[in-house]
Amino acid sequence: MAAKIIILLGVLAWAGCATSSPDGTHSGPVGTRSVIGGVEFWKGGPPPRAYRVLTPTASQGADTSATYRGQEGFIATDARRRGADAVIVLNEIMVVSRMDVITGHQILAPRVSAQLIKYN
């Protein structure tokens, strides 16, 4: 539940930074485009064309053996399944996934938070 609240607050904060005109276009810095699993991924900003947000999404690995790229692959699968045209990556962070019961050390894992979008 706490993770959902954190994601929601992040999405709301990020959305507040963007401006949009009546025709649905967005002004400000444009992100960097890459294609993962046949889906456009935008990092560092939104795409240069009008879009609408379908839903926020996130993927988290089990431990440090997972990668950000692997989590983006899971998000690309989710985007295709939901009919999204592209993904705007909100953040990529390492989070505590669990505690090692023997040593008591934290086990970190990569987490990618994003928005699935549909072009207008």
PDB file of N, CA and C in Angstrom:
ATOM      1  N   MET A   1       0.827  -1.187   0.000  1.00  0.00           N
ATOM      2  CA  MET A   1       0.000   0.000   0.000  1.00  0.00           C
ATOM      3  C   MET A   1       0.871   1.249   0.000  1.00  0.00           C
ATOM      4  N   ALA A   2       1.924   1.254   0.812  1.00  0.00           N
ATOM      5  CA  ALA A   2       2.810   2.412   0.875  1.00  0.00           C
ATOM      6  C   ALA A   2       3.475   2.656  -0.475  1.00  0.00           C
ATOM      7  N   ALA A   3       3.844   1.581  -1.178  1.00  0.00           N
ATOM      8  CA  ALA A   3       4.471   1.726  -2.493  1.00  0.00           C
ATOM      9  C   ALA A   3       3.512   2.378  -3.477  1.00  0.00           C
ATOM     10  N   LYS A   4       2.236   2.020  -3.419  1.00  0.00           N
ATOM     11  CA  LYS A   4       1.244   2.622  -4.317  1.00  0.00           C
ATOM     12  C   LYS A   4       1.094   4.105  -4.031  1.00  0.00           C
ATOM     13  N   ILE A   5       1.129   4.491  -2.767  1.00  0.00           N
ATOM     14  CA  ILE A   5       1.009   5.902  -2.398  1.00  0.00           C
ATOM     15  C   ILE A   5       2.224   6.666  -2.908  1.00  0.00           C
ATOM     16  N   ILE A   6       3.410   6.088  -2.754  1.00  0.00           N
ATOM     17  CA  ILE A   6       4.630   6.743  -3.221  1.00  0.00           C
ATOM     18  C   ILE A   6       4.588   6.924  -4.733  1.00  0.00           C
ATOM     19  N   ILE A   7       4.145   5.900  -5.446  1.00  0.00           N
ATOM     20  CA  ILE A   7       4.046   5.991  -6.907  1.00  0.00           C
ATOM     21  C   ILE A   7       3.040   7.071  -7.290  1.00  0.00           C
ATOM     22  N   LEU A   8       1.896   7.081  -6.630  1.00  0.00           N
ATOM     23  CA  LEU A   8       0.870   8.076  -6.929  1.00  0.00           C
ATOM     24  C   LEU A   8       1.391   9.488  -6.697  1.00  0.00           C
ATOM     25  N   LEU A   9       2.084   9.714  -5.585  1.00  0.00           N
ATOM     26  CA  LEU A   9       2.635  11.033  -5.308  1.00  0.00           C
ATOM     27  C   LEU A   9       3.677  11.431  -6.352  1.00  0.00           C
ATOM     28  N   GLY A  10       4.497  10.471  -6.764  1.00  0.00           N
ATOM     29  CA  GLY A  10       5.489  10.746  -7.802  1.00  0.00           C
ATOM     30  C   GLY A  10       4.844  11.107  -9.128  1.00  0.00           C
ATOM     31  N   VAL A  11       3.804  10.374  -9.489  1.00  0.00           N
ATOM     32  CA  VAL A  11       3.090  10.654 -10.737  1.00  0.00           C
ATOM     33  C   VAL A  11       2.451  12.038 -10.677  1.00  0.00           C
ATOM     34  N   LEU A  12       1.822  12.358  -9.558  1.00  0.00           N
ATOM     35  CA  LEU A  12       1.179  13.666  -9.425  1.00  0.00           C
ATOM     36  C   LEU A  12       2.208  14.792  -9.459  1.00  0.00           C
ATOM     37  N   ALA A  13       3.340  14.592  -8.805  1.00  0.00           N
ATOM     38  CA  ALA A  13       4.387  15.615  -8.820  1.00  0.00           C
ATOM     39  C   ALA A  13       4.936  15.807 -10.217  1.00  0.00           C
ATOM     40  N   TRP A  14       5.181  14.709 -10.922  1.00  0.00           N
ATOM     41  CA  TRP A  14       5.702  14.797 -12.281  1.00  0.00           C
ATOM     42  C   TRP A  14       4.686  15.438 -13.205  1.00  0.00           C
ATOM     43  N   ALA A  15       3.430  15.065 -13.087  1.00  0.00           N
ATOM     44  CA  ALA A  15       2.383  15.616 -13.943  1.00  0.00           C
ATOM     45  C   ALA A  15       2.237  17.116 -13.718  1.00  0.00           C
ATOM     46  N   GLY A  16       2.473  17.567 -12.510  1.00  0.00           N
ATOM     47  CA  GLY A  16       2.378  18.985 -12.214  1.00  0.00           C
ATOM     48  C   GLY A  16       3.465  19.802 -12.883  1.00  0.00           C
ATOM     49  N   CYS A  17       4.548  19.176 -13.302  1.00  0.00           N
ATOM     50  CA  CYS A  17       5.644  19.886 -13.950  1.00  0.00           C
ATOM     51  C   CYS A  17       5.393  20.103 -15.434  1.00  0.00           C
ATOM     52  N   ALA A  18       4.504  19.335 -16.016  1.00  0.00           N
ATOM     53  CA  ALA A  18       4.234  19.442 -17.443  1.00  0.00           C
ATOM     54  C   ALA A  18       3.144  20.464 -17.690  1.00  0.00           C
ATOM     55  N   THR A  19       3.264  21.146 -18.819  1.00  0.00           N
ATOM     56  CA  THR A  19       2.202  22.050 -19.214  1.00  0.00           C
ATOM     57  C   THR A  19       1.605  21.529 -20.505  1.00  0.00           C
ATOM     58  N   SER A  20       0.335  21.766 -20.696  1.00  0.00           N
ATOM     59  CA  SER A  20      -0.266  21.315 -21.938  1.00  0.00           C
ATOM     60  C   SER A  20      -1.178  22.400 -22.476  1.00  0.00           C
ATOM     61  N   SER A  21      -1.303  22.406 -23.786  1.00  0.00           N
ATOM     62  CA  SER A  21      -2.154  23.378 -24.441  1.00  0.00           C
ATOM     63  C   SER A  21      -3.507  22.735 -24.734  1.00  0.00           C
ATOM     64  N   PRO A  22      -4.485  23.512 -25.183  1.00  0.00           N
ATOM     65  CA  PRO A  22      -5.811  22.953 -25.452  1.00  0.00           C
ATOM     66  C   PRO A  22      -5.815  21.818 -26.478  1.00  0.00           C
ATOM     67  N   ASP A  23      -4.834  21.797 -27.391  1.00  0.00           N
ATOM     68  CA  ASP A  23      -4.828  20.727 -28.397  1.00  0.00           C
ATOM     69  C   ASP A  23      -4.140  19.462 -27.915  1.00  0.00           C
ATOM     70  N   GLY A  24      -3.720  19.413 -26.636  1.00  0.00           N
ATOM     71  CA  GLY A  24      -3.134  18.206 -26.055  1.00  0.00           C
ATOM     72  C   GLY A  24      -1.635  18.088 -26.211  1.00  0.00           C
ATOM     73  N   THR A  25      -0.982  19.111 -26.789  1.00  0.00           N
ATOM     74  CA  THR A  25       0.470  19.048 -26.904  1.00  0.00           C
ATOM     75  C   THR A  25       1.101  19.517 -25.599  1.00  0.00           C
ATOM     76  N   HIS A  26       2.331  19.136 -25.372  1.00  0.00           N
ATOM     77  CA  HIS A  26       3.027  19.467 -24.133  1.00  0.00           C
ATOM     78  C   HIS A  26       4.255  20.291 -24.459  1.00  0.00           C
ATOM     79  N   SER A  27       4.520  21.279 -23.622  1.00  0.00           N
ATOM     80  CA  SER A  27       5.709  22.097 -23.826  1.00  0.00           C
ATOM     81  C   SER A  27       6.748  21.723 -22.773  1.00  0.00           C
ATOM     82  N   GLY A  28       7.967  22.119 -23.018  1.00  0.00           N
ATOM     83  CA  GLY A  28       9.039  21.792 -22.092  1.00  0.00           C
ATOM     84  C   GLY A  28      10.036  20.867 -22.746  1.00  0.00           C
ATOM     85  N   PRO A  29      10.985  20.377 -21.957  1.00  0.00           N
ATOM     86  CA  PRO A  29      12.016  19.518 -22.538  1.00  0.00           C
ATOM     87  C   PRO A  29      11.445  18.190 -23.023  1.00  0.00           C
ATOM     88  N   VAL A  30      11.973  17.750 -24.143  1.00  0.00           N
ATOM     89  CA  VAL A  30      11.563  16.472 -24.735  1.00  0.00           C
ATOM     90  C   VAL A  30      12.534  15.401 -24.253  1.00  0.00           C
ATOM     91  N   GLY A  31      12.009  14.201 -24.000  1.00  0.00           N
ATOM     92  CA  GLY A  31      12.830  13.108 -23.522  1.00  0.00           C
ATOM     93  C   GLY A  31      13.674  12.467 -24.609  1.00  0.00           C
ATOM     94  N   THR A  32      14.450  11.497 -24.196  1.00  0.00           N
ATOM     95  CA  THR A  32      15.269  10.702 -25.104  1.00  0.00           C
ATOM     96  C   THR A  32      14.528   9.411 -25.407  1.00  0.00           C
ATOM     97  N   ARG A  33      14.412   9.077 -26.684  1.00  0.00           N
ATOM     98  CA  ARG A  33      13.633   7.919 -27.127  1.00  0.00           C
ATOM     99  C   ARG A  33      14.519   6.690 -27.313  1.00  0.00           C
ATOM    100  N   SER A  34      13.993   5.547 -26.860  1.00  0.00           N
ATOM    101  CA  SER A  34      14.588   4.249 -27.174  1.00  0.00           C
ATOM    102  C   SER A  34      13.422   3.293 -27.403  1.00  0.00           C
ATOM    103  N   VAL A  35      13.698   2.166 -28.020  1.00  0.00           N
ATOM    104  CA  VAL A  35      12.652   1.177 -28.270  1.00  0.00           C
ATOM    105  C   VAL A  35      13.046  -0.112 -27.562  1.00  0.00           C
ATOM    106  N   ILE A  36      12.144  -0.599 -26.725  1.00  0.00           N
ATOM    107  CA  ILE A  36      12.373  -1.834 -25.976  1.00  0.00           C
ATOM    108  C   ILE A  36      11.170  -2.738 -26.216  1.00  0.00           C
ATOM    109  N   GLY A  37      11.414  -3.913 -26.731  1.00  0.00           N
ATOM    110  CA  GLY A  37      10.321  -4.854 -26.974  1.00  0.00           C
ATOM    111  C   GLY A  37       9.273  -4.304 -27.924  1.00  0.00           C
ATOM    112  N   GLY A  38       9.689  -3.458 -28.864  1.00  0.00           N
ATOM    113  CA  GLY A  38       8.760  -2.888 -29.825  1.00  0.00           C
ATOM    114  C   GLY A  38       7.949  -1.712 -29.305  1.00  0.00           C
ATOM    115  N   VAL A  39       8.264  -1.217 -28.109  1.00  0.00           N
ATOM    116  CA  VAL A  39       7.534  -0.103 -27.493  1.00  0.00           C
ATOM    117  C   VAL A  39       8.498   1.064 -27.293  1.00  0.00           C
ATOM    118  N   GLU A  40       8.044   2.276 -27.631  1.00  0.00           N
ATOM    119  CA  GLU A  40       8.854   3.472 -27.400  1.00  0.00           C
ATOM    120  C   GLU A  40       8.949   3.751 -25.904  1.00  0.00           C
ATOM    121  N   PHE A  41      10.163   4.032 -25.431  1.00  0.00           N
ATOM    122  CA  PHE A  41      10.402   4.448 -24.050  1.00  0.00           C
ATOM    123  C   PHE A  41      11.000   5.847 -24.099  1.00  0.00           C
ATOM    124  N   TRP A  42      10.441   6.751 -23.302  1.00  0.00           N
ATOM    125  CA  TRP A  42      10.920   8.130 -23.216  1.00  0.00           C
ATOM    126  C   TRP A  42      11.483   8.366 -21.825  1.00  0.00           C
ATOM    127  N   LYS A  43      12.748   8.790 -21.769  1.00  0.00           N
ATOM    128  CA  LYS A  43      13.414   9.074 -20.491  1.00  0.00           C
ATOM    129  C   LYS A  43      13.855  10.531 -20.473  1.00  0.00           C
ATOM    130  N   GLY A  44      13.746  11.155 -19.307  1.00  0.00           N
ATOM    131  CA  GLY A  44      14.187  12.533 -19.153  1.00  0.00           C
ATOM    132  C   GLY A  44      13.181  13.555 -19.638  1.00  0.00           C
ATOM    133  N   GLY A  45      12.005  13.107 -20.024  1.00  0.00           N
ATOM    134  CA  GLY A  45      10.963  14.006 -20.500  1.00  0.00           C
ATOM    135  C   GLY A  45       9.976  13.267 -21.381  1.00  0.00           C
ATOM    136  N   PRO A  46       8.887  13.937 -21.744  1.00  0.00           N
ATOM    137  CA  PRO A  46       7.855  13.304 -22.555  1.00  0.00           C
ATOM    138  C   PRO A  46       8.207  13.316 -24.043  1.00  0.00           C
ATOM    139  N   PRO A  47       7.410  12.644 -24.852  1.00  0.00           N
ATOM    140  CA  PRO A  47       7.619  12.691 -26.299  1.00  0.00           C
ATOM    141  C   PRO A  47       7.228  14.066 -26.848  1.00  0.00           C
ATOM    142  N   PRO A  48       7.667  14.384 -28.079  1.00  0.00           N
ATOM    143  CA  PRO A  48       7.376  15.693 -28.641  1.00  0.00           C
ATOM    144  C   PRO A  48       5.983  15.809 -29.256  1.00  0.00           C
ATOM    145  N   ARG A  49       5.150  14.814 -29.096  1.00  0.00           N
ATOM    146  CA  ARG A  49       3.809  14.859 -29.682  1.00  0.00           C
ATOM    147  C   ARG A  49       2.750  14.700 -28.611  1.00  0.00           C
ATOM    148  N   ALA A  50       1.533  15.033 -28.952  1.00  0.00           N
ATOM    149  CA  ALA A  50       0.413  14.987 -27.996  1.00  0.00           C
ATOM    150  C   ALA A  50       0.123  13.547 -27.581  1.00  0.00           C
ATOM    151  N   TYR A  51      -0.226  13.377 -26.318  1.00  0.00           N
ATOM    152  CA  TYR A  51      -0.540  12.048 -25.789  1.00  0.00           C
ATOM    153  C   TYR A  51      -1.475  12.193 -24.605  1.00  0.00           C
ATOM    154  N   ARG A  52      -2.022  11.050 -24.184  1.00  0.00           N
ATOM    155  CA  ARG A  52      -2.785  11.001 -22.939  1.00  0.00           C
ATOM    156  C   ARG A  52      -2.271   9.824 -22.134  1.00  0.00           C
ATOM    157  N   VAL A  53      -2.291   9.976 -20.829  1.00  0.00           N
ATOM    158  CA  VAL A  53      -1.802   8.927 -19.932  1.00  0.00           C
ATOM    159  C   VAL A  53      -2.896   7.891 -19.751  1.00  0.00           C
ATOM    160  N   LEU A  54      -2.557   6.624 -20.006  1.00  0.00           N
ATOM    161  CA  LEU A  54      -3.498   5.526 -19.774  1.00  0.00           C
ATOM    162  C   LEU A  54      -3.485   5.114 -18.312  1.00  0.00           C
ATOM    163  N   THR A  55      -2.296   4.847 -17.776  1.00  0.00           N
ATOM    164  CA  THR A  55      -2.178   4.384 -16.393  1.00  0.00           C
ATOM    165  C   THR A  55      -0.724   4.420 -15.936  1.00  0.00           C
ATOM    166  N   PRO A  56      -0.488   4.623 -14.655  1.00  0.00           N
ATOM    167  CA  PRO A  56       0.871   4.451 -14.146  1.00  0.00           C
ATOM    168  C   PRO A  56       1.172   2.955 -14.006  1.00  0.00           C
ATOM    169  N   THR A  57       2.432   2.611 -14.033  1.00  0.00           N
ATOM    170  CA  THR A  57       2.838   1.221 -13.878  1.00  0.00           C
ATOM    171  C   THR A  57       4.231   1.188 -13.265  1.00  0.00           C
ATOM    172  N   ALA A  58       4.622   0.033 -12.769  1.00  0.00           N
ATOM    173  CA  ALA A  58       5.957  -0.140 -12.198  1.00  0.00           C
ATOM    174  C   ALA A  58       6.339  -1.612 -12.262  1.00  0.00           C
ATOM    175  N   SER A  59       7.636  -1.854 -12.246  1.00  0.00           N
ATOM    176  CA  SER A  59       8.145  -3.221 -12.200  1.00  0.00           C
ATOM    177  C   SER A  59       9.361  -3.231 -11.293  1.00  0.00           C
ATOM    178  N   GLN A  60       9.421  -4.237 -10.432  1.00  0.00           N
ATOM    179  CA  GLN A  60      10.528  -4.364  -9.491  1.00  0.00           C
ATOM    180  C   GLN A  60      11.114  -5.756  -9.562  1.00  0.00           C
ATOM    181  N   GLY A  61      12.439  -5.814  -9.625  1.00  0.00           N
ATOM    182  CA  GLY A  61      13.126  -7.093  -9.640  1.00  0.00           C
ATOM    183  C   GLY A  61      13.161  -7.723  -8.255  1.00  0.00           C
ATOM    184  N   ALA A  62      13.597  -8.971  -8.203  1.00  0.00           N
ATOM    185  CA  ALA A  62      13.639  -9.694  -6.932  1.00  0.00           C
ATOM    186  C   ALA A  62      14.868  -9.327  -6.101  1.00  0.00           C
ATOM    187  N   ASP A  63      15.988  -9.080  -6.777  1.00  0.00           N
ATOM    188  CA  ASP A  63      17.226  -8.758  -6.063  1.00  0.00           C
ATOM    189  C   ASP A  63      18.209  -8.092  -7.016  1.00  0.00           C
ATOM    190  N   THR A  64      19.451  -7.921  -6.574  1.00  0.00           N
ATOM    191  CA  THR A  64      20.436  -7.210  -7.381  1.00  0.00           C
ATOM    192  C   THR A  64      20.827  -7.932  -8.661  1.00  0.00           C
ATOM    193  N   SER A  65      20.436  -9.200  -8.829  1.00  0.00           N
ATOM    194  CA  SER A  65      20.729  -9.893 -10.086  1.00  0.00           C
ATOM    195  C   SER A  65      19.802  -9.410 -11.198  1.00  0.00           C
ATOM    196  N   ALA A  66      18.694  -8.762 -10.840  1.00  0.00           N
ATOM    197  CA  ALA A  66      17.791  -8.189 -11.826  1.00  0.00           C
ATOM    198  C   ALA A  66      18.398  -6.883 -12.348  1.00  0.00           C
ATOM    199  N   THR A  67      17.914  -6.419 -13.502  1.00  0.00           N
ATOM    200  CA  THR A  67      18.439  -5.194 -14.108  1.00  0.00           C
ATOM    201  C   THR A  67      17.306  -4.219 -14.412  1.00  0.00           C
ATOM    202  N   TYR A  68      17.670  -2.948 -14.582  1.00  0.00           N
ATOM    203  CA  TYR A  68      16.680  -1.958 -15.007  1.00  0.00           C
ATOM    204  C   TYR A  68      16.130  -2.336 -16.384  1.00  0.00           C
ATOM    205  N   ARG A  69      17.008  -2.770 -17.263  1.00  0.00           N
ATOM    206  CA  ARG A  69      16.597  -3.159 -18.628  1.00  0.00           C
ATOM    207  C   ARG A  69      15.581  -4.307 -18.563  1.00  0.00           C
ATOM    208  N   GLY A  70      15.787  -5.265 -17.671  1.00  0.00           N
ATOM    209  CA  GLY A  70      14.833  -6.357 -17.507  1.00  0.00           C
ATOM    210  C   GLY A  70      13.476  -5.858 -17.037  1.00  0.00           C
ATOM    211  N   GLN A  71      13.486  -4.900 -16.117  1.00  0.00           N
ATOM    212  CA  GLN A  71      12.222  -4.338 -15.615  1.00  0.00           C
ATOM    213  C   GLN A  71      11.521  -3.556 -16.726  1.00  0.00           C
ATOM    214  N   GLU A  72      12.298  -2.863 -17.554  1.00  0.00           N
ATOM    215  CA  GLU A  72      11.708  -2.154 -18.690  1.00  0.00           C
ATOM    216  C   GLU A  72      11.078  -3.138 -19.670  1.00  0.00           C
ATOM    217  N   GLY A  73      11.679  -4.314 -19.818  1.00  0.00           N
ATOM    218  CA  GLY A  73      11.095  -5.351 -20.675  1.00  0.00           C
ATOM    219  C   GLY A  73       9.725  -5.795 -20.162  1.00  0.00           C
ATOM    220  N   PHE A  74       9.601  -5.941 -18.834  1.00  0.00           N
ATOM    221  CA  PHE A  74       8.298  -6.293 -18.247  1.00  0.00           C
ATOM    222  C   PHE A  74       7.280  -5.179 -18.472  1.00  0.00           C
ATOM    223  N   ILE A  75       7.726  -3.927 -18.360  1.00  0.00           N
ATOM    224  CA  ILE A  75       6.826  -2.803 -18.599  1.00  0.00           C
ATOM    225  C   ILE A  75       6.413  -2.753 -20.066  1.00  0.00           C
ATOM    226  N   ALA A  76       7.338  -3.056 -20.985  1.00  0.00           N
ATOM    227  CA  ALA A  76       7.001  -3.089 -22.416  1.00  0.00           C
ATOM    228  C   ALA A  76       5.923  -4.141 -22.689  1.00  0.00           C
ATOM    229  N   THR A  77       6.032  -5.299 -22.053  1.00  0.00           N
ATOM    230  CA  THR A  77       5.005  -6.342 -22.201  1.00  0.00           C
ATOM    231  C   THR A  77       3.665  -5.844 -21.693  1.00  0.00           C
ATOM    232  N   ASP A  78       3.671  -5.176 -20.541  1.00  0.00           N
ATOM    233  CA  ASP A  78       2.449  -4.609 -19.971  1.00  0.00           C
ATOM    234  C   ASP A  78       1.863  -3.552 -20.910  1.00  0.00           C
ATOM    235  N   ALA A  79       2.715  -2.720 -21.490  1.00  0.00           N
ATOM    236  CA  ALA A  79       2.261  -1.663 -22.405  1.00  0.00           C
ATOM    237  C   ALA A  79       1.581  -2.260 -23.635  1.00  0.00           C
ATOM    238  N   ARG A  80       2.184  -3.290 -24.222  1.00  0.00           N
ATOM    239  CA  ARG A  80       1.567  -3.940 -25.394  1.00  0.00           C
ATOM    240  C   ARG A  80       0.230  -4.555 -25.019  1.00  0.00           C
ATOM    241  N   ARG A  81       0.177  -5.201 -23.862  1.00  0.00           N
ATOM    242  CA  ARG A  81      -1.065  -5.854 -23.418  1.00  0.00           C
ATOM    243  C   ARG A  81      -2.187  -4.841 -23.207  1.00  0.00           C
ATOM    244  N   ARG A  82      -1.842  -3.655 -22.741  1.00  0.00           N
ATOM    245  CA  ARG A  82      -2.846  -2.628 -22.454  1.00  0.00           C
ATOM    246  C   ARG A  82      -3.118  -1.690 -23.631  1.00  0.00           C
ATOM    247  N   GLY A  83      -2.440  -1.903 -24.750  1.00  0.00           N
ATOM    248  CA  GLY A  83      -2.682  -1.082 -25.936  1.00  0.00           C
ATOM    249  C   GLY A  83      -2.020   0.282 -25.911  1.00  0.00           C
ATOM    250  N   ALA A  84      -0.956   0.437 -25.132  1.00  0.00           N
ATOM    251  CA  ALA A  84      -0.245   1.718 -25.060  1.00  0.00           C
ATOM    252  C   ALA A  84       0.659   1.879 -26.279  1.00  0.00           C
ATOM    253  N   ASP A  85       0.862   3.114 -26.690  1.00  0.00           N
ATOM    254  CA  ASP A  85       1.775   3.410 -27.792  1.00  0.00           C
ATOM    255  C   ASP A  85       3.209   3.590 -27.309  1.00  0.00           C
ATOM    256  N   ALA A  86       3.347   4.061 -26.070  1.00  0.00           N
ATOM    257  CA  ALA A  86       4.683   4.367 -25.560  1.00  0.00           C
ATOM    258  C   ALA A  86       4.665   4.391 -24.034  1.00  0.00           C
ATOM    259  N   VAL A  87       5.868   4.563 -23.475  1.00  0.00           N
ATOM    260  CA  VAL A  87       6.063   4.592 -22.025  1.00  0.00           C
ATOM    261  C   VAL A  87       6.926   5.808 -21.686  1.00  0.00           C
ATOM    262  N   ILE A  88       6.510   6.550 -20.662  1.00  0.00           N
ATOM    263  CA  ILE A  88       7.351   7.620 -20.127  1.00  0.00           C
ATOM    264  C   ILE A  88       7.910   7.114 -18.794  1.00  0.00           C
ATOM    265  N   VAL A  89       9.231   6.960 -18.726  1.00  0.00           N
ATOM    266  CA  VAL A  89       9.878   6.484 -17.505  1.00  0.00           C
ATOM    267  C   VAL A  89       9.945   7.644 -16.517  1.00  0.00           C
ATOM    268  N   LEU A  90       9.375   7.437 -15.335  1.00  0.00           N
ATOM    269  CA  LEU A  90       9.383   8.459 -14.293  1.00  0.00           C
ATOM    270  C   LEU A  90      10.642   8.373 -13.444  1.00  0.00           C
ATOM    271  N   ASN A  91      11.027   7.144 -13.054  1.00  0.00           N
ATOM    272  CA  ASN A  91      12.276   6.989 -12.311  1.00  0.00           C
ATOM    273  C   ASN A  91      12.744   5.543 -12.336  1.00  0.00           C
ATOM    274  N   GLU A  92      14.026   5.394 -12.098  1.00  0.00           N
ATOM    275  CA  GLU A  92      14.681   4.092 -11.955  1.00  0.00           C
ATOM    276  C   GLU A  92      15.492   4.172 -10.672  1.00  0.00           C
ATOM    277  N   ILE A  93      15.115   3.376  -9.686  1.00  0.00           N
ATOM    278  CA  ILE A  93      15.778   3.432  -8.384  1.00  0.00           C
ATOM    279  C   ILE A  93      16.051   2.026  -7.869  1.00  0.00           C
ATOM    280  N   MET A  94      16.963   1.948  -6.912  1.00  0.00           N
ATOM    281  CA  MET A  94      17.190   0.699  -6.191  1.00  0.00           C
ATOM    282  C   MET A  94      16.391   0.786  -4.896  1.00  0.00           C
ATOM    283  N   VAL A  95      15.631  -0.271  -4.600  1.00  0.00           N
ATOM    284  CA  VAL A  95      14.810  -0.307  -3.394  1.00  0.00           C
ATOM    285  C   VAL A  95      15.139  -1.555  -2.591  1.00  0.00           C
ATOM    286  N   VAL A  96      14.819  -1.530  -1.316  1.00  0.00           N
ATOM    287  CA  VAL A  96      15.001  -2.710  -0.476  1.00  0.00           C
ATOM    288  C   VAL A  96      13.876  -3.680  -0.807  1.00  0.00           C
ATOM    289  N   SER A  97      14.235  -4.869  -1.280  1.00  0.00           N
ATOM    290  CA  SER A  97      13.209  -5.848  -1.630  1.00  0.00           C
ATOM    291  C   SER A  97      12.916  -6.800  -0.463  1.00  0.00           C
ATOM    292  N   ARG A  98      13.945  -7.012   0.382  1.00  0.00           N
ATOM    293  CA  ARG A  98      13.761  -7.894   1.548  1.00  0.00           C
ATOM    294  C   ARG A  98      15.025  -7.844   2.403  1.00  0.00           C
ATOM    295  N   MET A  99      14.969  -8.511   3.532  1.00  0.00           N
ATOM    296  CA  MET A  99      16.122  -8.621   4.416  1.00  0.00           C
ATOM    297  C   MET A  99      16.640 -10.061   4.363  1.00  0.00           C
ATOM    298  N   ASP A 100      17.941 -10.220   4.326  1.00  0.00           N
ATOM    299  CA  ASP A 100      18.538 -11.549   4.384  1.00  0.00           C
ATOM    300  C   ASP A 100      18.364 -12.069   5.805  1.00  0.00           C
ATOM    301  N   VAL A 101      17.709 -13.230   5.954  1.00  0.00           N
ATOM    302  CA  VAL A 101      17.402 -13.756   7.290  1.00  0.00           C
ATOM    303  C   VAL A 101      18.649 -14.230   8.037  1.00  0.00           C
ATOM    304  N   ILE A 102      19.703 -14.570   7.312  1.00  0.00           N
ATOM    305  CA  ILE A 102      20.930 -15.036   7.951  1.00  0.00           C
ATOM    306  C   ILE A 102      21.787 -13.852   8.420  1.00  0.00           C
ATOM    307  N   THR A 103      22.053 -12.920   7.511  1.00  0.00           N
ATOM    308  CA  THR A 103      22.966 -11.814   7.825  1.00  0.00           C
ATOM    309  C   THR A 103      22.259 -10.559   8.325  1.00  0.00           C
ATOM    310  N   GLY A 104      20.984 -10.435   8.054  1.00  0.00           N
ATOM    311  CA  GLY A 104      20.249  -9.228   8.429  1.00  0.00           C
ATOM    312  C   GLY A 104      20.484  -8.059   7.492  1.00  0.00           C
ATOM    313  N   HIS A 105      21.228  -8.301   6.404  1.00  0.00           N
ATOM    314  CA  HIS A 105      21.500  -7.232   5.439  1.00  0.00           C
ATOM    315  C   HIS A 105      20.305  -7.021   4.510  1.00  0.00           C
ATOM    316  N   GLN A 106      20.185  -5.793   4.029  1.00  0.00           N
ATOM    317  CA  GLN A 106      19.140  -5.469   3.067  1.00  0.00           C
ATOM    318  C   GLN A 106      19.506  -6.015   1.693  1.00  0.00           C
ATOM    319  N   ILE A 107      18.518  -6.569   1.008  1.00  0.00           N
ATOM    320  CA  ILE A 107      18.688  -7.024  -0.373  1.00  0.00           C
ATOM    321  C   ILE A 107      18.020  -5.979  -1.261  1.00  0.00           C
ATOM    322  N   LEU A 108      18.820  -5.361  -2.137  1.00  0.00           N
ATOM    323  CA  LEU A 108      18.299  -4.317  -3.019  1.00  0.00           C
ATOM    324  C   LEU A 108      17.862  -4.887  -4.354  1.00  0.00           C
ATOM    325  N   ALA A 109      16.944  -4.183  -5.009  1.00  0.00           N
ATOM    326  CA  ALA A 109      16.456  -4.595  -6.313  1.00  0.00           C
ATOM    327  C   ALA A 109      16.118  -3.356  -7.132  1.00  0.00           C
ATOM    328  N   PRO A 110      16.273  -3.447  -8.474  1.00  0.00           N
ATOM    329  CA  PRO A 110      15.925  -2.315  -9.318  1.00  0.00           C
ATOM    330  C   PRO A 110      14.405  -2.177  -9.457  1.00  0.00           C
ATOM    331  N   ARG A 111      13.935  -0.927  -9.439  1.00  0.00           N
ATOM    332  CA  ARG A 111      12.512  -0.635  -9.616  1.00  0.00           C
ATOM    333  C   ARG A 111      12.380   0.474 -10.656  1.00  0.00           C
ATOM    334  N   VAL A 112      11.512   0.248 -11.626  1.00  0.00           N
ATOM    335  CA  VAL A 112      11.234   1.234 -12.668  1.00  0.00           C
ATOM    336  C   VAL A 112       9.770   1.629 -12.548  1.00  0.00           C
ATOM    337  N   SER A 113       9.516   2.941 -12.421  1.00  0.00           N
ATOM    338  CA  SER A 113       8.158   3.481 -12.394  1.00  0.00           C
ATOM    339  C   SER A 113       7.942   4.263 -13.681  1.00  0.00           C
ATOM    340  N   ALA A 114       6.747   4.132 -14.258  1.00  0.00           N
ATOM    341  CA  ALA A 114       6.497   4.755 -15.551  1.00  0.00           C
ATOM    342  C   ALA A 114       5.019   5.050 -15.748  1.00  0.00           C
ATOM    343  N   GLN A 115       4.741   5.734 -16.848  1.00  0.00           N
ATOM    344  CA  GLN A 115       3.367   5.956 -17.275  1.00  0.00           C
ATOM    345  C   GLN A 115       3.205   5.326 -18.653  1.00  0.00           C
ATOM    346  N   LEU A 116       2.104   4.605 -18.848  1.00  0.00           N
ATOM    347  CA  LEU A 116       1.762   4.082 -20.160  1.00  0.00           C
ATOM    348  C   LEU A 116       0.940   5.161 -20.852  1.00  0.00           C
ATOM    349  N   ILE A 117       1.300   5.471 -22.105  1.00  0.00           N
ATOM    350  CA  ILE A 117       0.608   6.544 -22.817  1.00  0.00           C
ATOM    351  C   ILE A 117       0.073   6.096 -24.169  1.00  0.00           C
ATOM    352  N   LYS A 118      -0.883   6.844 -24.663  1.00  0.00           N
ATOM    353  CA  LYS A 118      -1.476   6.644 -25.982  1.00  0.00           C
ATOM    354  C   LYS A 118      -1.361   7.962 -26.726  1.00  0.00           C
ATOM    355  N   TYR A 119      -0.826   7.938 -27.946  1.00  0.00           N
ATOM    356  CA  TYR A 119      -0.720   9.166 -28.729  1.00  0.00           C
ATOM    357  C   TYR A 119      -2.089   9.609 -29.209  1.00  0.00           C
ATOM    358  N   ASN A 120      -2.292  10.937 -29.235  1.00  0.00           N
ATOM    359  CA  ASN A 120      -3.571  11.508 -29.723  1.00  0.00           C
ATOM    360  C   ASN A 120      -3.626  11.435 -31.231  1.00  0.00           C
TER     361      ASN A 120
END
